[in-house]
């Protein structure tokens, strides 16, 4: 995208001085266990519970009833002020402009939801020209003028018309002129022209997003004559035929799914048929950038009903298009992995609802807690492929999960690393779960001990848990949660965890280990500083150079501190000296 300003949080843009003119920039055997969308009757930290009924997400969606829609838009005091200013600009300069709010803001206001996502559509001028008039009017009143941001059109990214943005009363507002789009055969890049409000409404992705609020007349305009009706019925439909709409811009398939999941609305039959069309799927996979696909999926995962969205992706046959796998997998991907993956995220949703908000309490603030929820859901979704690897260009084995996050979805590399680390830590937590009943105490102790360090039996649990937490850090509850979800592993996650008894057993495993970790005072143990640094260790060992030897002693030192939480620096040095002397004596005895 050609961009000319960096101004958070709206978009990446280039700040222009007030009144400065724009410059040109240089499969399914598990179908019987698929998911339903039952009435939402309870939730934890905003996450609704789900039940397993053996009905697909799309079939369940057909049960959608009437939606409560307001008869008119009720403006807040700030919205009144902003819209009043826009009309003052129109009158002051005799522009004759019809100023409309388009899309999501209108939909949300009619649903009784607050929204600051204000997109202004203009019928007789460009967005930048109107923004410049806003600044001229501010100068006339003796007020501070605002910078104007301009997002250039970029047909390759389905950004077909230039958009201007500016801050008005502390809210970022986008301005664009009404437009019509005509697609030539064999081209997904349309010819864009200034259009009428009706033409603009019909070229939008969904009928519920095609509504306008006319600021001049203070009225809602439903120019497709379907927007309000579909909103009231809870239907996700396209203004024009669904297949041609999706072929024009295949990303609209994922947007339809996202809104259906967010509002618990129903996809219409023609929309489902079009979304499942092989040509549409091919276009989605080949013509839409992975970044845009990943952005839509990430919005789904961060929204209210991510499991519903994943069920739609699966049921519409889009799973392997959205979550593209690399070639030459070990073991190979199966046709059933879409059903396996979605059954695990649904099972995770149920288990998380049963446990409560403690799963994500590792986050220090609401934003980091939301991030923990999001990455937990990705971790659950990809449980069935967590042990798959592929060979990268350097002939190195790489987890398939890392490929999906980094390359298929183009999310942050840190997201991929965290999810892989959660999977690794979840396997290690399995040993800790067994330690709760002392089932494998001697085996774990044997792994932790070496010739210089013997862990006291009553400290084995603390040392093992501490080592795991020092690796996974603040995501330890998420990793423990995933461990409880997969151990013991079952082939049919949704069927197994749909049973209340099984759900309760896994919940108790999670809570038992969580209590043990907090009772052992291990939360934040990753912040534990070693009593001795490398130089001090060299001094105790009386060696002049570092290397692998010092690294091994640093690892032993951490174990010793975990086993002796009240140990002092002097006690630590004494242990090192004695263990080293004892090892030397043993070696001498062995040689004689």
Protein backbone atom coordinates (compact mmCIF):
# COMPACT_ATOMS: atom_id res chain seq x y z
CA UNK A 1 0.00 0.00 0.00
CA UNK A 2 1.35 3.44 -0.89
CA UNK A 3 1.22 5.38 2.37
CA UNK A 4 2.07 8.90 3.37
CA UNK A 5 1.74 9.30 7.14
CA UNK A 6 2.36 7.42 10.36
CA UNK A 7 -0.28 8.31 12.87
CA UNK A 8 -1.57 5.75 15.38
CA UNK A 9 -3.97 4.19 15.85
CA UNK A 10 -5.83 4.49 12.58
CA UNK A 11 -3.36 3.48 9.89
CA UNK A 12 0.03 4.19 8.47
CA UNK A 13 -0.18 7.58 6.77
CA UNK A 14 1.96 10.61 5.93
CA UNK A 15 1.20 13.76 7.87
CA UNK A 16 0.53 16.75 5.67
CA UNK A 17 0.76 20.31 6.93
CA UNK A 18 -2.59 22.10 7.20
CA UNK A 19 -3.79 23.17 3.75
CA UNK A 20 -0.71 21.54 2.16
CA UNK A 21 -1.49 20.02 -1.20
CA UNK A 22 -0.83 16.35 -1.72
CA UNK A 23 2.47 15.43 -3.36
CA UNK A 24 2.94 12.26 -5.38
CA UNK A 25 5.11 9.99 -3.22
CA UNK A 26 8.44 8.73 -4.68
CA UNK A 27 -12.56 -33.63 5.53
CA UNK A 28 -14.58 -35.43 7.56
CA UNK A 29 -14.97 -38.66 9.53
CA UNK A 30 -15.47 -36.45 12.57
CA UNK A 31 -18.48 -34.69 11.07
CA UNK A 32 -20.73 -36.27 13.64
CA UNK A 33 -18.91 -34.32 16.31
CA UNK A 34 -18.85 -30.94 14.62
CA UNK A 35 -19.97 -27.92 16.50
CA UNK A 36 -23.12 -26.04 17.17
CA UNK A 37 -23.83 -22.45 18.08
CA UNK A 38 -26.18 -22.74 21.05
CA UNK A 39 -27.83 -19.81 22.76
CA UNK A 40 -25.27 -17.86 24.78
CA UNK A 41 -26.38 -18.09 28.36
CA UNK A 42 -23.15 -17.69 30.30
CA UNK A 43 -19.63 -16.43 29.82
CA UNK A 44 -16.29 -15.94 31.51
CA UNK A 45 -14.30 -12.74 31.01
CA UNK A 46 -16.48 -12.11 27.94
CA UNK A 47 -16.15 -15.58 26.42
CA UNK A 48 -19.47 -17.38 25.85
CA UNK A 49 -19.85 -21.04 26.68
CA UNK A 50 -20.56 -23.59 23.96
CA UNK A 51 -22.19 -26.96 23.97
CA UNK A 52 -21.50 -29.99 21.78
CA UNK A 53 -24.57 -31.15 19.90
CA UNK A 54 -23.20 -32.80 16.79
CA UNK A 55 -24.58 -30.10 14.47
CA UNK A 56 -22.36 -28.12 12.12
CA UNK A 57 -21.82 -24.43 12.71
CA UNK A 58 -23.70 -23.51 9.54
CA UNK A 59 -26.68 -25.66 10.39
CA UNK A 60 -26.75 -24.24 13.87
CA UNK A 61 -26.61 -20.73 12.49
CA UNK A 62 -29.88 -21.31 10.68
CA UNK A 63 -31.60 -21.24 14.06
CA UNK A 64 -30.87 -17.51 14.37
CA UNK A 65 -33.94 -15.58 15.51
CA UNK A 66 -34.94 -11.94 15.21
CA UNK A 67 -32.38 -9.31 16.20
CA UNK A 68 -33.28 -6.23 18.19
CA UNK A 69 -32.61 -3.26 15.91
CA UNK A 70 -33.24 0.35 16.86
CA UNK A 71 -35.60 2.41 14.77
CA UNK A 72 -33.16 5.31 14.51
CA UNK A 73 -29.57 6.26 15.26
CA UNK A 74 -28.99 7.87 18.66
CA UNK A 75 -26.01 10.19 18.59
CA UNK A 76 -23.70 10.80 21.52
CA UNK A 77 -22.81 14.35 22.50
CA UNK A 78 -19.42 13.99 20.80
CA UNK A 79 -20.99 12.65 17.60
CA UNK A 80 -23.44 15.56 17.57
CA UNK A 81 -20.51 17.94 17.87
CA UNK A 82 -18.48 16.28 15.12
CA UNK A 83 -21.36 16.00 12.68
CA UNK A 84 -22.40 19.56 13.43
CA UNK A 85 -18.91 20.75 12.52
CA UNK A 86 -19.03 18.87 9.21
CA UNK A 87 -22.35 20.48 8.32
CA UNK A 88 -20.99 23.90 9.31
CA UNK A 89 -18.18 23.37 6.78
CA UNK A 90 -20.68 22.44 4.06
CA UNK A 91 -22.80 25.54 4.75
CA UNK A 92 -19.90 27.97 5.20
CA UNK A 93 -18.41 27.15 1.80
CA UNK A 94 -21.77 26.44 0.09
CA UNK A 95 -20.47 23.04 -0.96
CA UNK A 96 -23.88 21.44 -1.43
CA UNK A 97 -22.34 18.17 -0.18
CA UNK A 98 -24.41 15.32 1.18
CA UNK A 99 -22.34 13.99 4.08
CA UNK A 100 -23.00 10.38 5.00
CA UNK A 101 -21.57 7.98 7.56
CA UNK A 102 -21.07 4.61 5.88
CA UNK A 103 -20.85 0.99 6.88
CA UNK A 104 -20.01 -0.47 10.26
CA UNK A 105 -20.75 2.58 12.39
CA UNK A 106 -24.35 2.67 11.14
CA UNK A 107 -24.77 -1.08 11.69
CA UNK A 108 -23.38 -0.93 15.21
CA UNK A 109 -25.43 2.10 16.23
CA UNK A 110 -28.63 0.40 15.06
CA UNK A 111 -27.64 -2.64 17.14
CA UNK A 112 -27.24 -0.41 20.17
CA UNK A 113 -23.44 -0.67 20.24
CA UNK A 114 -20.98 2.18 20.64
CA UNK A 115 -18.59 2.82 17.76
CA UNK A 116 -15.82 5.29 17.02
CA UNK A 117 -15.16 3.85 13.55
CA UNK A 118 -16.58 6.78 11.59
CA UNK A 119 -16.16 6.62 7.80
CA UNK A 120 -17.53 9.61 5.92
CA UNK A 121 -18.74 9.22 2.30
CA UNK A 122 -19.00 12.39 0.18
CA UNK A 123 -21.06 12.76 -2.97
CA UNK A 124 -19.33 15.62 -4.81
CA UNK A 125 -15.68 15.91 -3.74
CA UNK A 126 -12.69 13.89 -2.64
CA UNK A 127 -11.90 13.18 0.97
CA UNK A 128 -8.72 15.25 0.93
CA UNK A 129 -10.47 18.28 -0.55
CA UNK A 130 -13.12 18.12 2.15
CA UNK A 131 -10.51 17.77 4.90
CA UNK A 132 -8.76 20.85 3.56
CA UNK A 133 -12.05 22.76 3.80
CA UNK A 134 -12.42 21.56 7.40
CA UNK A 135 -9.00 23.08 8.14
CA UNK A 136 -9.88 26.31 6.32
CA UNK A 137 -13.00 26.60 8.47
CA UNK A 138 -10.95 25.96 11.63
CA UNK A 139 -8.57 28.76 10.57
CA UNK A 140 -11.59 31.04 9.99
CA UNK A 141 -12.68 30.36 13.58
CA UNK A 142 -9.17 30.92 14.91
CA UNK A 143 -8.76 27.26 15.89
CA UNK A 144 -5.83 24.93 15.49
CA UNK A 145 -5.66 23.18 12.13
CA UNK A 146 -5.09 19.43 11.95
CA UNK A 147 -2.77 17.35 9.83
CA UNK A 148 -4.37 15.46 6.96
CA UNK A 149 -3.34 11.91 6.24
CA UNK A 150 -3.76 10.36 2.81
CA UNK A 151 -3.83 6.64 2.06
CA UNK A 152 -3.13 6.16 -1.63
CA UNK A 153 -5.18 3.76 -3.70
CA UNK A 154 -3.55 0.37 -4.23
CA UNK A 155 -5.58 -1.96 -6.48
CA UNK A 156 -3.27 -4.92 -5.75
CA UNK A 157 -4.42 -4.73 -2.13
CA UNK A 158 -8.07 -4.08 -3.09
CA UNK A 159 -7.67 -0.44 -2.02
CA UNK A 160 -9.32 1.14 -5.02
CA UNK A 161 -9.79 4.75 -3.99
CA UNK A 162 -7.73 7.29 -2.13
CA UNK A 163 -8.80 7.91 1.49
CA UNK A 164 -8.12 10.98 3.61
CA UNK A 165 -8.10 10.90 7.39
CA UNK A 166 -7.90 13.53 10.09
CA UNK A 167 -8.46 13.94 13.82
CA UNK A 168 -11.67 15.73 14.77
CA UNK A 169 -12.49 16.12 18.45
CA UNK A 170 -10.00 13.33 19.36
CA UNK A 171 -11.53 10.80 16.93
CA UNK A 172 -9.85 9.67 13.72
CA UNK A 173 -12.30 9.99 10.85
CA UNK A 174 -11.84 8.68 7.29
CA UNK A 175 -13.19 10.65 4.32
CA UNK A 176 -13.76 9.23 0.85
CA UNK A 177 -16.02 10.06 -2.05
CA UNK A 178 -18.88 7.77 -3.08
CA UNK A 179 -17.83 5.40 -5.81
CA UNK A 180 -18.91 2.73 -8.22
CA UNK A 181 -16.78 -0.24 -9.23
CA UNK A 182 -16.90 -2.14 -12.51
CA UNK A 183 -14.86 -5.30 -13.00
CA UNK A 184 -13.62 -6.28 -16.44
CA UNK A 185 -13.56 -9.95 -17.34
CA UNK A 186 -10.41 -11.77 -16.19
CA UNK A 187 -9.44 -8.89 -13.90
CA UNK A 188 -10.02 -8.46 -10.17
CA UNK A 189 -8.96 -4.80 -10.31
CA UNK A 190 -12.02 -2.66 -10.98
CA UNK A 191 -12.49 0.54 -12.84
CA UNK A 192 -13.38 3.00 -10.07
CA UNK A 193 -15.48 6.08 -10.71
CA UNK A 194 -17.25 8.61 -8.56
CA UNK A 195 -20.69 7.16 -8.08
CA UNK A 196 -24.06 7.71 -6.48
CA UNK A 197 -24.94 6.66 -2.96
CA UNK A 198 -26.94 3.75 -4.38
CA UNK A 199 -24.04 2.54 -6.53
CA UNK A 200 -21.75 2.81 -3.53
CA UNK A 201 -24.16 0.79 -1.37
CA UNK A 202 -24.40 -2.03 -3.89
CA UNK A 203 -20.62 -2.36 -4.34
CA UNK A 204 -20.14 -3.04 -0.58
CA UNK A 205 -19.34 -6.46 0.82
CA UNK A 206 -22.48 -7.19 2.88
CA UNK A 207 -25.99 -5.77 3.05
CA UNK A 208 -25.64 -5.03 6.78
CA UNK A 209 -22.57 -2.93 5.93
CA UNK A 210 -24.29 -1.06 3.08
CA UNK A 211 -26.37 1.27 5.28
CA UNK A 212 -25.76 5.01 5.37
CA UNK A 213 -26.55 7.61 7.99
CA UNK A 214 -27.22 10.87 6.17
CA UNK A 215 -25.91 13.64 8.42
CA UNK A 216 -27.75 16.31 6.41
CA UNK A 217 -31.18 14.69 6.85
CA UNK A 218 -30.39 12.84 10.11
CA UNK A 219 -31.81 9.64 8.68
CA UNK A 220 -30.74 6.08 7.91
CA UNK A 221 -30.64 5.22 4.21
CA UNK A 222 -31.09 1.61 3.10
CA UNK A 223 -30.43 1.94 -0.61
CA UNK A 224 -30.14 -1.81 -1.28
CA UNK A 225 -33.56 -2.22 0.40
CA UNK A 226 -32.14 -5.25 2.19
CA UNK A 227 -29.75 -3.88 4.81
CA UNK A 228 -32.27 -3.20 7.57
CA UNK A 229 -34.24 -6.37 6.89
CA UNK A 230 -31.16 -8.57 6.95
CA UNK A 231 -29.95 -6.86 10.11
CA UNK A 232 -33.26 -7.56 11.83
CA UNK A 233 -33.28 -11.18 10.64
CA UNK A 234 -29.63 -11.72 11.54
CA UNK A 235 -28.59 -12.62 8.00
CA UNK A 236 -25.22 -12.28 6.33
CA UNK A 237 -25.83 -11.63 2.65
CA UNK A 238 -24.24 -9.71 -0.22
CA UNK A 239 -25.98 -6.82 -2.04
CA UNK A 240 -25.12 -8.34 -5.44
CA UNK A 241 -24.88 -12.06 -6.33
CA UNK A 242 -22.54 -13.68 -3.81
CA UNK A 243 -20.29 -15.53 -6.25
CA UNK A 244 -19.50 -12.49 -8.39
CA UNK A 245 -19.04 -10.43 -5.20
CA UNK A 246 -16.48 -12.94 -3.89
CA UNK A 247 -14.69 -13.33 -7.21
CA UNK A 248 -14.37 -9.52 -7.38
CA UNK A 249 -12.71 -9.52 -3.94
CA UNK A 250 -12.28 -13.01 -2.40
CA UNK A 251 -11.34 -11.55 0.99
CA UNK A 252 -15.02 -10.76 1.41
CA UNK A 253 -15.56 -14.46 2.14
CA UNK A 254 -13.56 -14.13 5.35
CA UNK A 255 -15.24 -10.85 6.24
CA UNK A 256 -18.63 -12.53 5.88
CA UNK A 257 -17.48 -15.30 8.22
CA UNK A 258 -16.08 -12.81 10.72
CA UNK A 259 -19.31 -10.82 10.94
CA UNK A 260 -21.44 -13.97 11.07
CA UNK A 261 -19.40 -15.17 14.05
CA UNK A 262 -19.25 -11.78 15.76
CA UNK A 263 -22.99 -11.22 15.73
CA UNK A 264 -24.10 -14.89 15.75
CA UNK A 265 -25.78 -14.21 12.40
CA UNK A 266 -26.63 -16.76 9.70
CA UNK A 267 -24.89 -17.05 6.35
CA UNK A 268 -27.48 -17.20 3.57
CA UNK A 269 -27.56 -20.34 1.44
CA UNK A 270 -26.36 -18.62 -1.73
CA UNK A 271 -23.50 -17.04 0.20
CA UNK A 272 -22.43 -20.43 1.63
CA UNK A 273 -22.62 -21.99 -1.81
CA UNK A 274 -20.50 -19.20 -3.30
CA UNK A 275 -17.96 -19.32 -0.45
CA UNK A 276 -17.55 -23.07 -1.03
CA UNK A 277 -17.12 -22.66 -4.79
CA UNK A 278 -13.78 -24.02 -6.02
CA UNK A 279 -13.10 -20.94 -8.16
CA UNK A 280 -13.69 -18.64 -5.20
CA UNK A 281 -11.40 -20.75 -3.00
CA UNK A 282 -8.74 -20.73 -5.69
CA UNK A 283 -8.95 -16.94 -6.04
CA UNK A 284 -8.78 -16.50 -2.26
CA UNK A 285 -5.63 -18.59 -2.08
CA UNK A 286 -3.88 -17.09 -5.10
CA UNK A 287 -4.94 -13.44 -5.39
CA UNK A 288 -5.26 -12.25 -1.79
CA UNK A 289 -2.08 -11.54 0.10
CA UNK A 290 -1.32 -13.76 3.09
CA UNK A 291 -1.06 -10.61 5.21
CA UNK A 292 -4.69 -9.70 4.53
CA UNK A 293 -5.85 -13.26 5.19
CA UNK A 294 -3.88 -13.35 8.42
CA UNK A 295 -5.32 -10.01 9.49
CA UNK A 296 -8.88 -11.28 9.05
CA UNK A 297 -8.14 -14.51 10.93
CA UNK A 298 -6.50 -12.57 13.75
CA UNK A 299 -9.57 -10.35 14.02
CA UNK A 300 -11.70 -13.50 14.29
CA UNK A 301 -9.48 -14.96 17.01
CA UNK A 302 -9.63 -11.70 18.98
CA UNK A 303 -13.40 -11.35 18.61
CA UNK A 304 -16.27 -12.64 20.74
CA UNK A 305 -16.88 -15.99 19.06
CA UNK A 306 -13.65 -17.27 17.50
CA UNK A 307 -14.75 -20.92 17.64
CA UNK A 308 -17.79 -20.15 15.51
CA UNK A 309 -15.54 -18.48 12.94
CA UNK A 310 -13.22 -21.50 12.80
CA UNK A 311 -16.24 -23.80 12.40
CA UNK A 312 -17.44 -21.75 9.43
CA UNK A 313 -13.96 -21.88 7.85
CA UNK A 314 -13.98 -25.66 8.26
CA UNK A 315 -17.57 -26.24 7.16
CA UNK A 316 -17.10 -24.13 4.02
CA UNK A 317 -14.02 -26.14 3.02
CA UNK A 318 -11.70 -23.16 3.48
CA UNK A 319 -9.41 -24.51 6.21
CA UNK A 320 -6.53 -25.56 3.97
CA UNK A 321 -6.83 -22.36 1.92
CA UNK A 322 -6.67 -20.10 4.97
CA UNK A 323 -4.15 -22.19 6.91
CA UNK A 324 -1.88 -23.18 4.05
CA UNK A 325 0.55 -25.98 4.90
CA UNK A 326 4.10 -26.29 3.53
CA UNK A 327 5.15 -29.11 1.24
CA UNK A 328 6.96 -32.30 2.32
CA UNK A 329 5.48 -32.67 5.78
CA UNK A 330 6.48 -35.26 8.33
CA UNK A 331 4.07 -36.82 9.09
CA UNK A 332 1.86 -35.83 6.12
CA UNK A 333 -1.26 -33.75 6.63
CA UNK A 334 -4.56 -35.64 6.51
CA UNK A 335 -7.90 -34.66 5.02
CA UNK A 336 -9.29 -34.85 8.55
CA UNK A 337 -6.93 -32.37 10.14
CA UNK A 338 -9.36 -29.50 9.63
CA UNK A 339 -11.93 -31.31 11.76
CA UNK A 340 -9.33 -32.36 14.31
CA UNK A 341 -7.99 -28.83 14.67
CA UNK A 342 -11.38 -27.19 15.06
CA UNK A 343 -12.52 -29.84 17.53
CA UNK A 344 -9.53 -28.95 19.72
CA UNK A 345 -10.20 -25.21 19.76
CA UNK A 346 -13.81 -25.96 20.67
CA UNK A 347 -12.69 -28.29 23.45
CA UNK A 348 -10.35 -25.56 24.68
CA UNK A 349 -13.22 -23.09 24.72
CA UNK A 350 -15.29 -25.40 26.89
CA UNK A 351 -12.42 -26.20 29.25
CA UNK A 352 -11.46 -22.53 29.60
CA UNK A 353 -15.06 -21.65 30.41
CA UNK A 354 -15.09 -24.36 33.07
CA UNK A 355 -11.83 -23.20 34.67
CA UNK A 356 -12.44 -19.47 34.57
CA UNK A 357 -10.33 -16.37 34.12
CA UNK A 358 -7.21 -17.65 35.92
CA UNK A 359 -5.96 -19.21 32.66
CA UNK A 360 -5.00 -15.77 31.35
CA UNK A 361 -4.05 -14.06 34.59
CA UNK A 362 -0.39 -14.11 33.54
CA UNK A 363 -1.11 -10.94 31.59
CA UNK A 364 -0.19 -7.79 33.49
CA UNK A 365 -2.93 -5.68 31.89
CA UNK A 366 -6.11 -6.21 29.83
CA UNK A 367 -4.19 -5.95 26.54
CA UNK A 368 -1.66 -8.63 27.49
CA UNK A 369 -4.47 -10.82 28.84
CA UNK A 370 -6.26 -10.50 25.50
CA UNK A 371 -3.03 -11.49 23.81
CA UNK A 372 -2.78 -14.56 26.03
CA UNK A 373 -6.33 -15.58 25.09
CA UNK A 374 -5.57 -15.14 21.40
CA UNK A 375 -2.35 -17.17 21.47
CA UNK A 376 -3.98 -19.80 23.66
CA UNK A 377 -6.68 -20.29 21.01
CA UNK A 378 -4.10 -20.58 18.23
CA UNK A 379 -2.19 -23.10 20.38
CA UNK A 380 -5.35 -25.15 20.88
CA UNK A 381 -6.31 -24.98 17.21
CA UNK A 382 -2.97 -26.41 16.11
CA UNK A 383 -2.61 -29.12 18.76
CA UNK A 384 -3.13 -31.91 16.19
CA UNK A 385 -0.22 -30.65 14.05
CA UNK A 386 2.14 -29.62 16.85
CA UNK A 387 4.53 -32.51 16.15
CA UNK A 388 4.62 -31.99 12.37
CA UNK A 389 7.80 -30.63 10.83
CA UNK A 390 9.01 -29.68 7.37
CA UNK A 391 12.40 -29.00 5.82
CA UNK A 392 13.10 -25.34 5.15
CA UNK A 393 15.46 -24.00 2.46
CA UNK A 394 18.43 -24.57 4.75
CA UNK A 395 17.44 -28.23 5.20
CA UNK A 396 16.50 -27.50 8.79
CA UNK A 397 13.48 -29.12 10.42
CA UNK A 398 10.94 -26.45 11.34
CA UNK A 399 7.61 -26.92 13.17
CA UNK A 400 4.66 -26.72 10.78
CA UNK A 401 2.86 -24.53 13.33
CA UNK A 402 5.62 -21.95 12.94
CA UNK A 403 5.15 -22.00 9.14
CA UNK A 404 1.38 -21.49 9.42
CA UNK A 405 1.73 -18.52 11.77
CA UNK A 406 4.69 -16.87 10.03
CA UNK A 407 4.04 -17.67 6.35
CA UNK A 408 0.39 -18.64 5.92
CA UNK A 409 -0.97 -15.89 8.16
CA UNK A 410 2.04 -13.54 8.18
CA UNK A 411 1.60 -12.85 11.87
CA UNK A 412 4.45 -11.75 14.10
CA UNK A 413 7.45 -14.05 14.42
CA UNK A 414 7.10 -13.68 18.19
CA UNK A 415 3.57 -15.14 17.94
CA UNK A 416 4.92 -18.20 16.13
CA UNK A 417 7.72 -18.64 18.67
CA UNK A 418 5.34 -18.28 21.61
CA UNK A 419 2.86 -20.84 20.25
CA UNK A 420 5.64 -23.36 19.55
CA UNK A 421 7.03 -22.77 23.05
CA UNK A 422 3.58 -23.28 24.55
CA UNK A 423 3.34 -26.65 22.80
CA UNK A 424 6.82 -27.67 24.02
CA UNK A 425 6.09 -26.57 27.59
CA UNK A 426 2.72 -28.36 27.54
CA UNK A 427 4.54 -31.67 26.98
CA UNK A 428 6.85 -30.94 29.91
CA UNK A 429 3.90 -30.07 32.11
CA UNK A 430 2.62 -33.62 31.51
CA UNK A 431 5.45 -34.86 33.75
CA UNK A 432 4.49 -32.35 36.41
CA UNK A 433 0.88 -33.51 36.28
CA UNK A 434 2.05 -37.07 37.01
CA UNK A 435 4.19 -35.79 39.90
CA UNK A 436 1.01 -34.65 41.62
CA UNK A 437 0.36 -38.31 42.41
CA UNK A 438 4.08 -39.21 42.74
CA UNK A 439 3.71 -41.57 39.77
CA UNK A 440 7.06 -40.73 38.16
CA UNK A 441 9.00 -39.15 41.01
CA UNK A 442 12.11 -41.31 40.70
CA UNK A 443 12.21 -40.99 36.91
CA UNK A 444 12.08 -37.19 37.07
CA UNK A 445 14.62 -37.07 39.90
CA UNK A 446 17.01 -39.18 37.87
CA UNK A 447 16.73 -36.74 34.94
CA UNK A 448 17.42 -33.73 37.17
CA UNK A 449 20.36 -35.24 39.12
CA UNK A 450 23.93 -35.39 37.88
CA UNK A 451 27.34 -36.17 39.40
CA UNK A 452 27.55 -32.74 41.04
CA UNK A 453 23.97 -32.20 42.14
CA UNK A 454 21.43 -34.43 43.82
CA UNK A 455 17.96 -32.94 44.15
CA UNK A 456 16.26 -33.68 47.50
CA UNK A 457 13.22 -35.86 46.89
CA UNK A 458 10.86 -33.32 48.43
CA UNK A 459 12.19 -30.62 46.08
CA UNK A 460 11.85 -32.50 42.79
CA UNK A 461 8.45 -30.99 42.01
CA UNK A 462 9.65 -27.46 42.73
CA UNK A 463 12.76 -27.83 40.58
CA UNK A 464 10.91 -29.34 37.62
CA UNK A 465 8.13 -26.75 37.76
CA UNK A 466 10.63 -23.91 38.16
CA UNK A 467 12.62 -24.99 35.13
CA UNK A 468 9.47 -25.19 32.99
CA UNK A 469 8.28 -21.77 34.14
CA UNK A 470 11.67 -20.16 33.51
CA UNK A 471 11.35 -21.26 29.86
CA UNK A 472 7.72 -20.32 29.18
CA UNK A 473 7.58 -17.37 31.61
CA UNK A 474 4.27 -15.48 31.77
CA UNK A 475 2.53 -17.96 29.47
CA UNK A 476 2.90 -20.84 31.94
CA UNK A 477 -0.80 -21.00 32.77
CA UNK A 478 -1.63 -21.17 29.06
CA UNK A 479 0.91 -23.97 28.57
CA UNK A 480 -0.48 -25.82 31.59
CA UNK A 481 -3.97 -25.36 30.18
CA UNK A 482 -2.94 -26.84 26.82
CA UNK A 483 -1.28 -29.72 28.69
CA UNK A 484 -4.48 -30.43 30.58
CA UNK A 485 -6.34 -30.34 27.29
CA UNK A 486 -4.16 -32.89 25.50
CA UNK A 487 -3.06 -35.24 28.27
CA UNK A 488 -4.19 -37.94 28.07
CA UNK A 489 -4.57 -37.39 24.33
CA UNK A 490 -7.79 -38.44 22.59
CA UNK A 491 -8.59 -38.76 18.91
CA UNK A 492 -11.87 -36.94 19.14
CA UNK A 493 -11.35 -33.91 21.36
CA UNK A 494 -14.82 -32.41 21.06
CA UNK A 495 -16.52 -35.74 21.73
CA UNK A 496 -14.34 -36.46 24.76
CA UNK A 497 -14.40 -33.02 26.35
CA UNK A 498 -18.06 -32.67 25.56
CA UNK A 499 -18.62 -35.08 28.44
CA UNK A 500 -18.91 -33.26 31.74
CA UNK A 501 -17.03 -35.94 33.68
CA UNK A 502 -13.99 -35.77 31.39
CA UNK A 503 -14.11 -31.99 31.41
CA UNK A 504 -14.12 -31.93 35.22
CA UNK A 505 -11.16 -34.33 35.45
CA UNK A 506 -9.02 -32.12 33.20
CA UNK A 507 -10.14 -29.03 35.03
CA UNK A 508 -9.05 -30.57 38.34
CA UNK A 509 -5.66 -31.51 36.88
CA UNK A 510 -5.13 -27.93 35.79
CA UNK A 511 -6.23 -26.45 39.11
CA UNK A 512 -4.18 -28.94 41.14
CA UNK A 513 -0.92 -28.10 39.35
CA UNK A 514 -1.70 -24.39 39.35
CA UNK A 515 -2.22 -24.52 43.14
CA UNK A 516 1.03 -26.42 43.60
CA UNK A 517 2.98 -23.84 41.58
CA UNK A 518 1.56 -20.90 43.49
CA UNK A 519 1.98 -22.71 46.84
CA UNK A 520 5.63 -23.33 45.94
CA UNK A 521 5.97 -19.58 45.33
CA UNK A 522 7.08 -20.10 41.74
CA UNK A 523 4.96 -17.52 39.93
CA UNK A 524 7.45 -15.07 38.37
CA UNK A 525 10.34 -17.48 39.07
CA UNK A 526 11.72 -16.53 35.66
CA UNK A 527 12.79 -13.28 37.30
CA UNK A 528 14.99 -15.20 39.76
CA UNK A 529 18.57 -13.94 39.53
CA UNK A 530 21.42 -16.45 39.93
CA UNK A 531 23.35 -16.06 43.17
CA UNK A 532 26.60 -16.27 41.20
CA UNK A 533 27.45 -14.92 37.76
CA UNK A 534 29.85 -16.60 35.34
CA UNK A 535 32.90 -14.80 36.72
CA UNK A 536 32.06 -15.79 40.29
CA UNK A 537 31.55 -19.42 39.22
CA UNK A 538 34.99 -19.38 37.56
CA UNK A 539 36.45 -18.12 40.82
CA UNK A 540 34.87 -20.91 42.87
CA UNK A 541 35.99 -23.55 40.37
CA UNK A 542 39.45 -21.94 40.12
CA UNK A 543 39.45 -21.91 36.32
CA UNK A 544 40.78 -19.12 34.11
CA UNK A 545 38.48 -19.47 31.09
CA UNK A 546 34.76 -19.96 30.60
CA UNK A 547 33.06 -22.01 27.93
CA UNK A 548 30.66 -24.95 28.11
CA UNK A 549 31.87 -25.89 31.61
CA UNK A 550 30.62 -22.61 33.08
CA UNK A 551 27.36 -22.93 31.16
CA UNK A 552 26.68 -26.32 32.73
CA UNK A 553 27.42 -24.98 36.18
CA UNK A 554 25.05 -22.06 35.61
CA UNK A 555 22.30 -24.59 34.84
CA UNK A 556 23.15 -26.56 38.00
CA UNK A 557 23.13 -23.34 39.98
CA UNK A 558 19.55 -22.59 38.90
CA UNK A 559 18.48 -26.09 39.95
CA UNK A 560 20.22 -25.68 43.29
CA UNK A 561 18.51 -22.35 43.93
CA UNK A 562 15.11 -23.85 43.05
CA UNK A 563 15.77 -26.74 45.44
CA UNK A 564 17.05 -24.35 48.14
CA UNK A 565 14.91 -21.20 47.81
CA UNK A 566 16.35 -19.71 51.02
CA UNK A 567 19.93 -20.62 50.21
CA UNK A 568 22.58 -17.89 50.48
CA UNK A 569 25.50 -17.06 48.23
CA UNK A 570 27.97 -18.54 50.72
CA UNK A 571 25.96 -21.76 51.00
CA UNK A 572 25.86 -21.97 47.21
CA UNK A 573 29.65 -21.57 46.99
CA UNK A 574 30.14 -24.22 49.67
CA UNK A 575 27.91 -26.66 47.75
CA UNK A 576 29.88 -26.09 44.56
CA UNK A 577 33.23 -26.70 46.32
CA UNK A 578 32.05 -29.83 48.09
CA UNK A 579 30.36 -31.31 45.03
CA UNK A 580 33.43 -30.64 42.92
CA UNK A 581 35.76 -32.26 45.50
CA UNK A 582 33.44 -35.23 45.87
CA UNK A 583 33.35 -35.73 42.10
CA UNK A 584 37.16 -35.64 41.93
CA UNK A 585 37.43 -38.28 44.72
CA UNK A 586 34.96 -40.51 42.94
CA UNK A 587 36.94 -40.24 39.70
CA UNK A 588 40.18 -41.12 41.54
CA UNK A 589 38.54 -44.11 43.20
CA UNK A 590 37.19 -45.30 39.86
CA UNK A 591 40.61 -45.00 38.22
CA UNK A 592 42.23 -47.09 40.97
